Structure formats: C-alpha cells, structure tokens
Amino acid sequence: MLIVIVVALSVQACSPTRPPVDELDIASRALGAARAADAPTWAADEYHAADEHFDQAQAAEGRQDYDVAAQSARESAADSELAAAKSRL
C-alpha cells in the first residue's frame, strides 16, 4: 500500500501544470492600470520591474515552465500595483 502511495505522489509531482492564464491576465491588467496611472513617469523603477517580470512570465509560459510563469506574473502584478500606488502620491 505504501508503495502505491509513493508511486502515485511521484507521478503527480512529475505531471505538467496548467498554463497560468489567470495570473497572466491579472498581471496584464495591473500593468495596464499602472501605465494608465502614469507610472512610467512617476514610478519608473517599479514600473520597469513590473514590465520585466511580465516579460519573464510570458517567456516562461512559452517554454512551458508554468510554475515560473505563474510566479513571475504574480511578481509583475505586485510591482504594477506598487507602481500605480506610488504614481498617485
């Protein structure tokens, strides 16, 4: 019984994850909102970081490295939110 559980967990760990469509959509919208808040002017460093993370997310998705893509998309969204908030100060 223990062997069956170990094998099942091993197979599950090796199976591919799904593309992070929701995370990429959220990141894209957050980046757009930051751009609309004039973040490239008022929070250039944060906006640049958001843009870089979004590019990394898209590249990782293209390589089917979905875990990295999802993480980079979440980082992009967080950076975008920070950039937008700084722009409004």
PDB file of N, CA and C in Angstrom:
ATOM      1  N   MET A   1       0.830  -1.200   0.000  1.00  0.00           N
ATOM      2  CA  MET A   1       0.000   0.000   0.000  1.00  0.00           C
ATOM      3  C   MET A   1       0.866   1.252   0.000  1.00  0.00           C
ATOM      4  N   LEU A   2       1.929   1.248   0.794  1.00  0.00           N
ATOM      5  CA  LEU A   2       2.812   2.401   0.878  1.00  0.00           C
ATOM      6  C   LEU A   2       3.477   2.665  -0.462  1.00  0.00           C
ATOM      7  N   ILE A   3       3.842   1.617  -1.169  1.00  0.00           N
ATOM      8  CA  ILE A   3       4.483   1.767  -2.477  1.00  0.00           C
ATOM      9  C   ILE A   3       3.523   2.423  -3.462  1.00  0.00           C
ATOM     10  N   VAL A   4       2.269   2.055  -3.424  1.00  0.00           N
ATOM     11  CA  VAL A   4       1.267   2.636  -4.320  1.00  0.00           C
ATOM     12  C   VAL A   4       1.130   4.131  -4.062  1.00  0.00           C
ATOM     13  N   ILE A   5       1.118   4.526  -2.824  1.00  0.00           N
ATOM     14  CA  ILE A   5       1.002   5.942  -2.469  1.00  0.00           C
ATOM     15  C   ILE A   5       2.234   6.706  -2.940  1.00  0.00           C
ATOM     16  N   VAL A   6       3.412   6.168  -2.714  1.00  0.00           N
ATOM     17  CA  VAL A   6       4.650   6.825  -3.133  1.00  0.00           C
ATOM     18  C   VAL A   6       4.689   6.982  -4.649  1.00  0.00           C
ATOM     19  N   VAL A   7       4.315   5.931  -5.373  1.00  0.00           N
ATOM     20  CA  VAL A   7       4.307   5.992  -6.833  1.00  0.00           C
ATOM     21  C   VAL A   7       3.280   7.023  -7.307  1.00  0.00           C
ATOM     22  N   ALA A   8       2.118   7.026  -6.706  1.00  0.00           N
ATOM     23  CA  ALA A   8       1.081   7.983  -7.101  1.00  0.00           C
ATOM     24  C   ALA A   8       1.539   9.418  -6.874  1.00  0.00           C
ATOM     25  N   LEU A   9       2.181   9.685  -5.765  1.00  0.00           N
ATOM     26  CA  LEU A   9       2.682  11.024  -5.486  1.00  0.00           C
ATOM     27  C   LEU A   9       3.808  11.410  -6.436  1.00  0.00           C
ATOM     28  N   SER A  10       4.654  10.462  -6.781  1.00  0.00           N
ATOM     29  CA  SER A  10       5.744  10.726  -7.716  1.00  0.00           C
ATOM     30  C   SER A  10       5.205  11.077  -9.092  1.00  0.00           C
ATOM     31  N   VAL A  11       4.219  10.356  -9.553  1.00  0.00           N
ATOM     32  CA  VAL A  11       3.620  10.619 -10.855  1.00  0.00           C
ATOM     33  C   VAL A  11       2.939  11.982 -10.844  1.00  0.00           C
ATOM     34  N   GLN A  12       2.259  12.296  -9.776  1.00  0.00           N
ATOM     35  CA  GLN A  12       1.573  13.580  -9.657  1.00  0.00           C
ATOM     36  C   GLN A  12       2.575  14.721  -9.658  1.00  0.00           C
ATOM     37  N   ALA A  13       3.695  14.567  -8.997  1.00  0.00           N
ATOM     38  CA  ALA A  13       4.707  15.610  -8.929  1.00  0.00           C
ATOM     39  C   ALA A  13       5.343  15.861 -10.285  1.00  0.00           C
ATOM     40  N   CYS A  14       5.402  14.853 -11.135  1.00  0.00           N
ATOM     41  CA  CYS A  14       6.028  14.985 -12.447  1.00  0.00           C
ATOM     42  C   CYS A  14       5.057  15.457 -13.518  1.00  0.00           C
ATOM     43  N   SER A  15       3.779  15.433 -13.242  1.00  0.00           N
ATOM     44  CA  SER A  15       2.825  15.824 -14.268  1.00  0.00           C
ATOM     45  C   SER A  15       2.882  17.335 -14.486  1.00  0.00           C
ATOM     46  N   PRO A  16       2.701  17.768 -15.729  1.00  0.00           N
ATOM     47  CA  PRO A  16       2.806  19.194 -16.019  1.00  0.00           C
ATOM     48  C   PRO A  16       1.654  19.967 -15.396  1.00  0.00           C
ATOM     49  N   THR A  17       1.947  21.201 -15.037  1.00  0.00           N
ATOM     50  CA  THR A  17       0.903  22.074 -14.506  1.00  0.00           C
ATOM     51  C   THR A  17       0.221  22.756 -15.680  1.00  0.00           C
ATOM     52  N   ARG A  18      -0.839  23.431 -15.416  1.00  0.00           N
ATOM     53  CA  ARG A  18      -1.573  24.114 -16.486  1.00  0.00           C
ATOM     54  C   ARG A  18      -0.975  25.497 -16.721  1.00  0.00           C
ATOM     55  N   PRO A  19      -1.159  26.053 -17.907  1.00  0.00           N
ATOM     56  CA  PRO A  19      -0.680  27.413 -18.164  1.00  0.00           C
ATOM     57  C   PRO A  19      -1.355  28.399 -17.201  1.00  0.00           C
ATOM     58  N   PRO A  20      -0.609  29.361 -16.706  1.00  0.00           N
ATOM     59  CA  PRO A  20      -1.156  30.297 -15.715  1.00  0.00           C
ATOM     60  C   PRO A  20      -1.940  31.442 -16.368  1.00  0.00           C
ATOM     61  N   VAL A  21      -3.012  31.092 -17.048  1.00  0.00           N
ATOM     62  CA  VAL A  21      -3.800  32.069 -17.795  1.00  0.00           C
ATOM     63  C   VAL A  21      -4.336  33.163 -16.875  1.00  0.00           C
ATOM     64  N   ASP A  22      -4.889  32.788 -15.742  1.00  0.00           N
ATOM     65  CA  ASP A  22      -5.465  33.782 -14.828  1.00  0.00           C
ATOM     66  C   ASP A  22      -4.390  34.726 -14.297  1.00  0.00           C
ATOM     67  N   GLU A  23      -3.245  34.178 -13.903  1.00  0.00           N
ATOM     68  CA  GLU A  23      -2.175  35.004 -13.363  1.00  0.00           C
ATOM     69  C   GLU A  23      -1.648  35.980 -14.412  1.00  0.00           C
ATOM     70  N   LEU A  24      -1.506  35.515 -15.644  1.00  0.00           N
ATOM     71  CA  LEU A  24      -1.039  36.393 -16.721  1.00  0.00           C
ATOM     72  C   LEU A  24      -2.060  37.484 -17.035  1.00  0.00           C
ATOM     73  N   ASP A  25      -3.326  37.142 -16.988  1.00  0.00           N
ATOM     74  CA  ASP A  25      -4.376  38.133 -17.237  1.00  0.00           C
ATOM     75  C   ASP A  25      -4.370  39.203 -16.152  1.00  0.00           C
ATOM     76  N   ILE A  26      -4.262  38.781 -14.900  1.00  0.00           N
ATOM     77  CA  ILE A  26      -4.217  39.733 -13.780  1.00  0.00           C
ATOM     78  C   ILE A  26      -2.998  40.637 -13.912  1.00  0.00           C
ATOM     79  N   ALA A  27      -1.855  40.053 -14.250  1.00  0.00           N
ATOM     80  CA  ALA A  27      -0.630  40.839 -14.395  1.00  0.00           C
ATOM     81  C   ALA A  27      -0.755  41.835 -15.541  1.00  0.00           C
ATOM     82  N   SER A  28      -1.336  41.404 -16.641  1.00  0.00           N
ATOM     83  CA  SER A  28      -1.505  42.286 -17.788  1.00  0.00           C
ATOM     84  C   SER A  28      -2.414  43.469 -17.448  1.00  0.00           C
ATOM     85  N   ARG A  29      -3.499  43.191 -16.764  1.00  0.00           N
ATOM     86  CA  ARG A  29      -4.421  44.262 -16.366  1.00  0.00           C
ATOM     87  C   ARG A  29      -3.774  45.216 -15.371  1.00  0.00           C
ATOM     88  N   ALA A  30      -3.015  44.676 -14.429  1.00  0.00           N
ATOM     89  CA  ALA A  30      -2.339  45.522 -13.438  1.00  0.00           C
ATOM     90  C   ALA A  30      -1.285  46.396 -14.108  1.00  0.00           C
ATOM     91  N   LEU A  31      -0.579  45.848 -15.082  1.00  0.00           N
ATOM     92  CA  LEU A  31       0.418  46.620 -15.813  1.00  0.00           C
ATOM     93  C   LEU A  31      -0.265  47.740 -16.605  1.00  0.00           C
ATOM     94  N   GLY A  32      -1.380  47.443 -17.210  1.00  0.00           N
ATOM     95  CA  GLY A  32      -2.149  48.462 -17.922  1.00  0.00           C
ATOM     96  C   GLY A  32      -2.647  49.559 -16.992  1.00  0.00           C
ATOM     97  N   ALA A  33      -3.095  49.177 -15.811  1.00  0.00           N
ATOM     98  CA  ALA A  33      -3.566  50.168 -14.835  1.00  0.00           C
ATOM     99  C   ALA A  33      -2.412  51.054 -14.365  1.00  0.00           C
ATOM    100  N   ALA A  34      -1.245  50.456 -14.183  1.00  0.00           N
ATOM    101  CA  ALA A  34      -0.072  51.244 -13.785  1.00  0.00           C
ATOM    102  C   ALA A  34       0.307  52.222 -14.897  1.00  0.00           C
ATOM    103  N   ARG A  35       0.247  51.757 -16.125  1.00  0.00           N
ATOM    104  CA  ARG A  35       0.555  52.622 -17.272  1.00  0.00           C
ATOM    105  C   ARG A  35      -0.442  53.775 -17.326  1.00  0.00           C
ATOM    106  N   ALA A  36      -1.723  53.469 -17.099  1.00  0.00           N
ATOM    107  CA  ALA A  36      -2.763  54.496 -17.121  1.00  0.00           C
ATOM    108  C   ALA A  36      -2.583  55.506 -15.986  1.00  0.00           C
ATOM    109  N   ALA A  37      -1.973  55.073 -14.889  1.00  0.00           N
ATOM    110  CA  ALA A  37      -1.714  55.968 -13.755  1.00  0.00           C
ATOM    111  C   ALA A  37      -0.429  56.765 -13.956  1.00  0.00           C
ATOM    112  N   ASP A  38       0.160  56.658 -15.146  1.00  0.00           N
ATOM    113  CA  ASP A  38       1.395  57.368 -15.496  1.00  0.00           C
ATOM    114  C   ASP A  38       2.593  56.891 -14.684  1.00  0.00           C
ATOM    115  N   ALA A  39       2.565  55.603 -14.340  1.00  0.00           N
ATOM    116  CA  ALA A  39       3.668  55.015 -13.570  1.00  0.00           C
ATOM    117  C   ALA A  39       5.009  55.067 -14.288  1.00  0.00           C
ATOM    118  N   PRO A  40       5.056  54.955 -15.628  1.00  0.00           N
ATOM    119  CA  PRO A  40       6.369  55.058 -16.260  1.00  0.00           C
ATOM    120  C   PRO A  40       7.078  56.384 -15.961  1.00  0.00           C
ATOM    121  N   THR A  41       6.297  57.409 -15.667  1.00  0.00           N
ATOM    122  CA  THR A  41       6.874  58.716 -15.332  1.00  0.00           C
ATOM    123  C   THR A  41       7.132  58.855 -13.839  1.00  0.00           C
ATOM    124  N   TRP A  42       6.139  58.509 -13.018  1.00  0.00           N
ATOM    125  CA  TRP A  42       6.198  58.794 -11.581  1.00  0.00           C
ATOM    126  C   TRP A  42       6.736  57.650 -10.729  1.00  0.00           C
ATOM    127  N   ALA A  43       6.784  56.452 -11.254  1.00  0.00           N
ATOM    128  CA  ALA A  43       7.302  55.297 -10.507  1.00  0.00           C
ATOM    129  C   ALA A  43       8.046  54.395 -11.498  1.00  0.00           C
ATOM    130  N   ALA A  44       9.026  54.994 -12.151  1.00  0.00           N
ATOM    131  CA  ALA A  44       9.709  54.327 -13.260  1.00  0.00           C
ATOM    132  C   ALA A  44      10.374  53.014 -12.847  1.00  0.00           C
ATOM    133  N   ASP A  45      11.035  52.986 -11.695  1.00  0.00           N
ATOM    134  CA  ASP A  45      11.725  51.759 -11.274  1.00  0.00           C
ATOM    135  C   ASP A  45      10.740  50.618 -11.040  1.00  0.00           C
ATOM    136  N   GLU A  46       9.659  50.924 -10.349  1.00  0.00           N
ATOM    137  CA  GLU A  46       8.666  49.903 -10.052  1.00  0.00           C
ATOM    138  C   GLU A  46       7.962  49.438 -11.328  1.00  0.00           C
ATOM    139  N   TYR A  47       7.676  50.398 -12.213  1.00  0.00           N
ATOM    140  CA  TYR A  47       7.024  50.038 -13.470  1.00  0.00           C
ATOM    141  C   TYR A  47       7.952  49.172 -14.323  1.00  0.00           C
ATOM    142  N   HIS A  48       9.205  49.532 -14.371  1.00  0.00           N
ATOM    143  CA  HIS A  48      10.176  48.748 -15.141  1.00  0.00           C
ATOM    144  C   HIS A  48      10.263  47.315 -14.586  1.00  0.00           C
ATOM    145  N   ALA A  49      10.283  47.185 -13.250  1.00  0.00           N
ATOM    146  CA  ALA A  49      10.323  45.854 -12.637  1.00  0.00           C
ATOM    147  C   ALA A  49       9.078  45.047 -13.019  1.00  0.00           C
ATOM    148  N   ALA A  50       7.922  45.706 -13.004  1.00  0.00           N
ATOM    149  CA  ALA A  50       6.676  45.030 -13.372  1.00  0.00           C
ATOM    150  C   ALA A  50       6.725  44.563 -14.822  1.00  0.00           C
ATOM    151  N   ASP A  51       7.213  45.417 -15.691  1.00  0.00           N
ATOM    152  CA  ASP A  51       7.307  45.085 -17.104  1.00  0.00           C
ATOM    153  C   ASP A  51       8.282  43.931 -17.335  1.00  0.00           C
ATOM    154  N   GLU A  52       9.412  43.963 -16.650  1.00  0.00           N
ATOM    155  CA  GLU A  52      10.401  42.879 -16.766  1.00  0.00           C
ATOM    156  C   GLU A  52       9.832  41.549 -16.276  1.00  0.00           C
ATOM    157  N   HIS A  53       9.147  41.578 -15.130  1.00  0.00           N
ATOM    158  CA  HIS A  53       8.550  40.349 -14.608  1.00  0.00           C
ATOM    159  C   HIS A  53       7.480  39.814 -15.561  1.00  0.00           C
ATOM    160  N   PHE A  54       6.736  40.717 -16.190  1.00  0.00           N
ATOM    161  CA  PHE A  54       5.719  40.265 -17.138  1.00  0.00           C
ATOM    162  C   PHE A  54       6.378  39.611 -18.354  1.00  0.00           C
ATOM    163  N   ASP A  55       7.448  40.219 -18.855  1.00  0.00           N
ATOM    164  CA  ASP A  55       8.180  39.618 -19.973  1.00  0.00           C
ATOM    165  C   ASP A  55       8.723  38.238 -19.595  1.00  0.00           C
ATOM    166  N   GLN A  56       9.233  38.121 -18.373  1.00  0.00           N
ATOM    167  CA  GLN A  56       9.749  36.832 -17.901  1.00  0.00           C
ATOM    168  C   GLN A  56       8.622  35.804 -17.814  1.00  0.00           C
ATOM    169  N   ALA A  57       7.458  36.245 -17.368  1.00  0.00           N
ATOM    170  CA  ALA A  57       6.309  35.336 -17.266  1.00  0.00           C
ATOM    171  C   ALA A  57       5.908  34.818 -18.638  1.00  0.00           C
ATOM    172  N   GLN A  58       5.861  35.713 -19.613  1.00  0.00           N
ATOM    173  CA  GLN A  58       5.488  35.297 -20.963  1.00  0.00           C
ATOM    174  C   GLN A  58       6.530  34.347 -21.557  1.00  0.00           C
ATOM    175  N   ALA A  59       7.797  34.644 -21.327  1.00  0.00           N
ATOM    176  CA  ALA A  59       8.860  33.768 -21.839  1.00  0.00           C
ATOM    177  C   ALA A  59       8.782  32.386 -21.190  1.00  0.00           C
ATOM    178  N   ALA A  60       8.542  32.355 -19.884  1.00  0.00           N
ATOM    179  CA  ALA A  60       8.437  31.074 -19.178  1.00  0.00           C
ATOM    180  C   ALA A  60       7.227  30.282 -19.670  1.00  0.00           C
ATOM    181  N   GLU A  61       6.137  30.976 -19.940  1.00  0.00           N
ATOM    182  CA  GLU A  61       4.961  30.278 -20.470  1.00  0.00           C
ATOM    183  C   GLU A  61       5.290  29.674 -21.839  1.00  0.00           C
ATOM    184  N   GLY A  62       6.022  30.406 -22.647  1.00  0.00           N
ATOM    185  CA  GLY A  62       6.415  29.898 -23.960  1.00  0.00           C
ATOM    186  C   GLY A  62       7.279  28.651 -23.863  1.00  0.00           C
ATOM    187  N   ARG A  63       8.066  28.558 -22.790  1.00  0.00           N
ATOM    188  CA  ARG A  63       8.903  27.364 -22.553  1.00  0.00           C
ATOM    189  C   ARG A  63       8.126  26.264 -21.835  1.00  0.00           C
ATOM    190  N   GLN A  64       6.872  26.519 -21.552  1.00  0.00           N
ATOM    191  CA  GLN A  64       6.001  25.634 -20.791  1.00  0.00           C
ATOM    192  C   GLN A  64       6.511  25.408 -19.370  1.00  0.00           C
ATOM    193  N   ASP A  65       7.192  26.405 -18.832  1.00  0.00           N
ATOM    194  CA  ASP A  65       7.644  26.391 -17.439  1.00  0.00           C
ATOM    195  C   ASP A  65       6.593  27.159 -16.642  1.00  0.00           C
ATOM    196  N   TYR A  66       5.472  26.503 -16.422  1.00  0.00           N
ATOM    197  CA  TYR A  66       4.287  27.171 -15.910  1.00  0.00           C
ATOM    198  C   TYR A  66       4.418  27.647 -14.468  1.00  0.00           C
ATOM    199  N   ASP A  67       5.193  26.952 -13.668  1.00  0.00           N
ATOM    200  CA  ASP A  67       5.382  27.403 -12.290  1.00  0.00           C
ATOM    201  C   ASP A  67       6.137  28.732 -12.258  1.00  0.00           C
ATOM    202  N   VAL A  68       7.195  28.831 -13.054  1.00  0.00           N
ATOM    203  CA  VAL A  68       7.962  30.085 -13.134  1.00  0.00           C
ATOM    204  C   VAL A  68       7.095  31.178 -13.750  1.00  0.00           C
ATOM    205  N   ALA A  69       6.326  30.840 -14.755  1.00  0.00           N
ATOM    206  CA  ALA A  69       5.445  31.820 -15.396  1.00  0.00           C
ATOM    207  C   ALA A  69       4.443  32.384 -14.402  1.00  0.00           C
ATOM    208  N   ALA A  70       3.859  31.533 -13.609  1.00  0.00           N
ATOM    209  CA  ALA A  70       2.872  31.986 -12.618  1.00  0.00           C
ATOM    210  C   ALA A  70       3.529  32.878 -11.567  1.00  0.00           C
ATOM    211  N   GLN A  71       4.694  32.488 -11.087  1.00  0.00           N
ATOM    212  CA  GLN A  71       5.388  33.287 -10.072  1.00  0.00           C
ATOM    213  C   GLN A  71       5.786  34.650 -10.641  1.00  0.00           C
ATOM    214  N   SER A  72       6.325  34.666 -11.841  1.00  0.00           N
ATOM    215  CA  SER A  72       6.723  35.935 -12.460  1.00  0.00           C
ATOM    216  C   SER A  72       5.513  36.825 -12.712  1.00  0.00           C
ATOM    217  N   ALA A  73       4.398  36.234 -13.093  1.00  0.00           N
ATOM    218  CA  ALA A  73       3.175  37.011 -13.309  1.00  0.00           C
ATOM    219  C   ALA A  73       2.684  37.618 -11.995  1.00  0.00           C
ATOM    220  N   ARG A  74       2.755  36.857 -10.915  1.00  0.00           N
ATOM    221  CA  ARG A  74       2.350  37.403  -9.609  1.00  0.00           C
ATOM    222  C   ARG A  74       3.274  38.539  -9.184  1.00  0.00           C
ATOM    223  N   GLU A  75       4.573  38.392  -9.440  1.00  0.00           N
ATOM    224  CA  GLU A  75       5.518  39.455  -9.115  1.00  0.00           C
ATOM    225  C   GLU A  75       5.238  40.697  -9.959  1.00  0.00           C
ATOM    226  N   SER A  76       4.905  40.500 -11.220  1.00  0.00           N
ATOM    227  CA  SER A  76       4.568  41.613 -12.089  1.00  0.00           C
ATOM    228  C   SER A  76       3.346  42.360 -11.571  1.00  0.00           C
ATOM    229  N   ALA A  77       2.329  41.620 -11.181  1.00  0.00           N
ATOM    230  CA  ALA A  77       1.116  42.252 -10.668  1.00  0.00           C
ATOM    231  C   ALA A  77       1.406  43.051  -9.403  1.00  0.00           C
ATOM    232  N   ALA A  78       2.198  42.496  -8.510  1.00  0.00           N
ATOM    233  CA  ALA A  78       2.536  43.209  -7.269  1.00  0.00           C
ATOM    234  C   ALA A  78       3.344  44.467  -7.572  1.00  0.00           C
ATOM    235  N   ASP A  79       4.327  44.356  -8.469  1.00  0.00           N
ATOM    236  CA  ASP A  79       5.115  45.527  -8.852  1.00  0.00           C
ATOM    237  C   ASP A  79       4.242  46.591  -9.515  1.00  0.00           C
ATOM    238  N   SER A  80       3.304  46.148 -10.333  1.00  0.00           N
ATOM    239  CA  SER A  80       2.398  47.085 -11.014  1.00  0.00           C
ATOM    240  C   SER A  80       1.531  47.825 -10.010  1.00  0.00           C
ATOM    241  N   GLU A  81       1.013  47.102  -9.028  1.00  0.00           N
ATOM    242  CA  GLU A  81       0.181  47.741  -8.014  1.00  0.00           C
ATOM    243  C   GLU A  81       0.981  48.777  -7.214  1.00  0.00           C
ATOM    244  N   LEU A  82       2.226  48.430  -6.894  1.00  0.00           N
ATOM    245  CA  LEU A  82       3.092  49.367  -6.182  1.00  0.00           C
ATOM    246  C   LEU A  82       3.364  50.594  -7.052  1.00  0.00           C
ATOM    247  N   ALA A  83       3.658  50.376  -8.323  1.00  0.00           N
ATOM    248  CA  ALA A  83       3.929  51.484  -9.232  1.00  0.00           C
ATOM    249  C   ALA A  83       2.717  52.412  -9.359  1.00  0.00           C
ATOM    250  N   ALA A  84       1.545  51.820  -9.498  1.00  0.00           N
ATOM    251  CA  ALA A  84       0.334  52.622  -9.601  1.00  0.00           C
ATOM    252  C   ALA A  84       0.086  53.421  -8.336  1.00  0.00           C
ATOM    253  N   ALA A  85       0.298  52.788  -7.185  1.00  0.00           N
ATOM    254  CA  ALA A  85       0.089  53.477  -5.906  1.00  0.00           C
ATOM    255  C   ALA A  85       1.071  54.631  -5.752  1.00  0.00           C
ATOM    256  N   LYS A  86       2.333  54.412  -6.088  1.00  0.00           N
ATOM    257  CA  LYS A  86       3.337  55.483  -5.999  1.00  0.00           C
ATOM    258  C   LYS A  86       3.005  56.627  -6.946  1.00  0.00           C
ATOM    259  N   SER A  87       2.431  56.330  -8.077  1.00  0.00           N
ATOM    260  CA  SER A  87       2.095  57.355  -9.049  1.00  0.00           C
ATOM    261  C   SER A  87       1.000  58.279  -8.546  1.00  0.00           C
ATOM    262  N   ARG A  88       0.172  57.775  -7.672  1.00  0.00           N
ATOM    263  CA  ARG A  88      -0.953  58.553  -7.163  1.00  0.00           C
ATOM    264  C   ARG A  88      -0.595  59.420  -5.958  1.00  0.00           C
ATOM    265  N   LEU A  89       0.614  59.272  -5.463  1.00  0.00           N
ATOM    266  CA  LEU A  89       1.020  60.054  -4.275  1.00  0.00           C
ATOM    267  C   LEU A  89       1.269  61.505  -4.617  1.00  0.00           C
TER     268      LEU A  89
END
